Amino acid sequence: MNRKISIDKKNKELYIEYKLNISDLQYL
């Protein structure tokens, strides 16, 4: 259970980073 939470947290961070990268591309 604890491990799953850390995986979810990591995925959420990756997703946020991905969204930020996408928005950066839109401004180019």
PDB file of N, CA and C in Angstrom:
ATOM      1  N   MET A   1       0.839  -1.205   0.000  1.00  0.00           N
ATOM      2  CA  MET A   1       0.000   0.000   0.000  1.00  0.00           C
ATOM      3  C   MET A   1       0.873   1.255   0.000  1.00  0.00           C
ATOM      4  N   ASN A   2       1.813   1.279   0.902  1.00  0.00           N
ATOM      5  CA  ASN A   2       2.710   2.432   0.984  1.00  0.00           C
ATOM      6  C   ASN A   2       3.475   2.615  -0.329  1.00  0.00           C
ATOM      7  N   ARG A   3       3.903   1.496  -0.892  1.00  0.00           N
ATOM      8  CA  ARG A   3       4.652   1.526  -2.141  1.00  0.00           C
ATOM      9  C   ARG A   3       3.790   2.084  -3.279  1.00  0.00           C
ATOM     10  N   LYS A   4       2.535   1.682  -3.314  1.00  0.00           N
ATOM     11  CA  LYS A   4       1.622   2.163  -4.346  1.00  0.00           C
ATOM     12  C   LYS A   4       1.476   3.679  -4.271  1.00  0.00           C
ATOM     13  N   ILE A   5       1.385   4.194  -3.056  1.00  0.00           N
ATOM     14  CA  ILE A   5       1.255   5.647  -2.889  1.00  0.00           C
ATOM     15  C   ILE A   5       2.483   6.350  -3.460  1.00  0.00           C
ATOM     16  N   SER A   6       3.675   5.816  -3.190  1.00  0.00           N
ATOM     17  CA  SER A   6       4.879   6.455  -3.708  1.00  0.00           C
ATOM     18  C   SER A   6       4.926   6.388  -5.236  1.00  0.00           C
ATOM     19  N   ILE A   7       4.433   5.292  -5.801  1.00  0.00           N
ATOM     20  CA  ILE A   7       4.365   5.175  -7.267  1.00  0.00           C
ATOM     21  C   ILE A   7       3.376   6.198  -7.829  1.00  0.00           C
ATOM     22  N   ASP A   8       2.222   6.321  -7.195  1.00  0.00           N
ATOM     23  CA  ASP A   8       1.229   7.299  -7.640  1.00  0.00           C
ATOM     24  C   ASP A   8       1.800   8.710  -7.566  1.00  0.00           C
ATOM     25  N   LYS A   9       2.538   8.991  -6.505  1.00  0.00           N
ATOM     26  CA  LYS A   9       3.127  10.314  -6.328  1.00  0.00           C
ATOM     27  C   LYS A   9       4.132  10.583  -7.447  1.00  0.00           C
ATOM     28  N   LYS A  10       4.947   9.578  -7.754  1.00  0.00           N
ATOM     29  CA  LYS A  10       5.942   9.711  -8.811  1.00  0.00           C
ATOM     30  C   LYS A  10       5.243   9.940 -10.150  1.00  0.00           C
ATOM     31  N   ASN A  11       4.185   9.174 -10.422  1.00  0.00           N
ATOM     32  CA  ASN A  11       3.441   9.332 -11.673  1.00  0.00           C
ATOM     33  C   ASN A  11       2.831  10.718 -11.780  1.00  0.00           C
ATOM     34  N   LYS A  12       2.332  11.219 -10.670  1.00  0.00           N
ATOM     35  CA  LYS A  12       1.725  12.543 -10.664  1.00  0.00           C
ATOM     36  C   LYS A  12       2.779  13.601 -10.975  1.00  0.00           C
ATOM     37  N   GLU A  13       3.971  13.444 -10.404  1.00  0.00           N
ATOM     38  CA  GLU A  13       5.061  14.382 -10.681  1.00  0.00           C
ATOM     39  C   GLU A  13       5.459  14.310 -12.155  1.00  0.00           C
ATOM     40  N   LEU A  14       5.542  13.100 -12.690  1.00  0.00           N
ATOM     41  CA  LEU A  14       5.882  12.939 -14.103  1.00  0.00           C
ATOM     42  C   LEU A  14       4.817  13.570 -14.994  1.00  0.00           C
ATOM     43  N   TYR A  15       3.561  13.382 -14.619  1.00  0.00           N
ATOM     44  CA  TYR A  15       2.453  13.929 -15.389  1.00  0.00           C
ATOM     45  C   TYR A  15       2.490  15.451 -15.385  1.00  0.00           C
ATOM     46  N   ILE A  16       2.763  16.030 -14.215  1.00  0.00           N
ATOM     47  CA  ILE A  16       2.857  17.493 -14.118  1.00  0.00           C
ATOM     48  C   ILE A  16       4.019  17.993 -14.977  1.00  0.00           C
ATOM     49  N   GLU A  17       5.144  17.312 -14.898  1.00  0.00           N
ATOM     50  CA  GLU A  17       6.311  17.687 -15.690  1.00  0.00           C
ATOM     51  C   GLU A  17       5.976  17.602 -17.182  1.00  0.00           C
ATOM     52  N   TYR A  18       5.275  16.543 -17.578  1.00  0.00           N
ATOM     53  CA  TYR A  18       4.867  16.351 -18.960  1.00  0.00           C
ATOM     54  C   TYR A  18       3.945  17.479 -19.419  1.00  0.00           C
ATOM     55  N   LYS A  19       2.983  17.827 -18.590  1.00  0.00           N
ATOM     56  CA  LYS A  19       2.065  18.919 -18.933  1.00  0.00           C
ATOM     57  C   LYS A  19       2.818  20.233 -19.071  1.00  0.00           C
ATOM     58  N   LEU A  20       3.789  20.464 -18.197  1.00  0.00           N
ATOM     59  CA  LEU A  20       4.582  21.687 -18.274  1.00  0.00           C
ATOM     60  C   LEU A  20       5.372  21.710 -19.582  1.00  0.00           C
ATOM     61  N   ASN A  21       5.938  20.577 -19.956  1.00  0.00           N
ATOM     62  CA  ASN A  21       6.683  20.497 -21.209  1.00  0.00           C
ATOM     63  C   ASN A  21       5.778  20.760 -22.406  1.00  0.00           C
ATOM     64  N   ILE A  22       4.589  20.233 -22.382  1.00  0.00           N
ATOM     65  CA  ILE A  22       3.625  20.448 -23.460  1.00  0.00           C
ATOM     66  C   ILE A  22       3.273  21.929 -23.568  1.00  0.00           C
ATOM     67  N   SER A  23       3.023  22.558 -22.443  1.00  0.00           N
ATOM     68  CA  SER A  23       2.660  23.977 -22.491  1.00  0.00           C
ATOM     69  C   SER A  23       3.841  24.820 -22.964  1.00  0.00           C
ATOM     70  N   ASP A  24       5.063  24.408 -22.628  1.00  0.00           N
ATOM     71  CA  ASP A  24       6.244  25.114 -23.135  1.00  0.00           C
ATOM     72  C   ASP A  24       6.289  25.022 -24.658  1.00  0.00           C
ATOM     73  N   LEU A  25       5.977  23.852 -25.185  1.00  0.00           N
ATOM     74  CA  LEU A  25       5.986  23.669 -26.635  1.00  0.00           C
ATOM     75  C   LEU A  25       4.947  24.560 -27.308  1.00  0.00           C
ATOM     76  N   GLN A  26       3.816  24.736 -26.685  1.00  0.00           N
ATOM     77  CA  GLN A  26       2.759  25.553 -27.276  1.00  0.00           C
ATOM     78  C   GLN A  26       3.169  27.021 -27.397  1.00  0.00           C
ATOM     79  N   TYR A  27       4.106  27.448 -26.539  1.00  0.00           N
ATOM     80  CA  TYR A  27       4.519  28.858 -26.600  1.00  0.00           C
ATOM     81  C   TYR A  27       5.636  29.104 -27.604  1.00  0.00           C
ATOM     82  N   LEU A  28       6.196  28.040 -28.154  1.00  0.00           N
ATOM     83  CA  LEU A  28       7.290  28.212 -29.119  1.00  0.00           C
ATOM     84  C   LEU A  28       6.781  28.763 -30.452  1.00  0.00           C
TER      85      LEU A  28
END
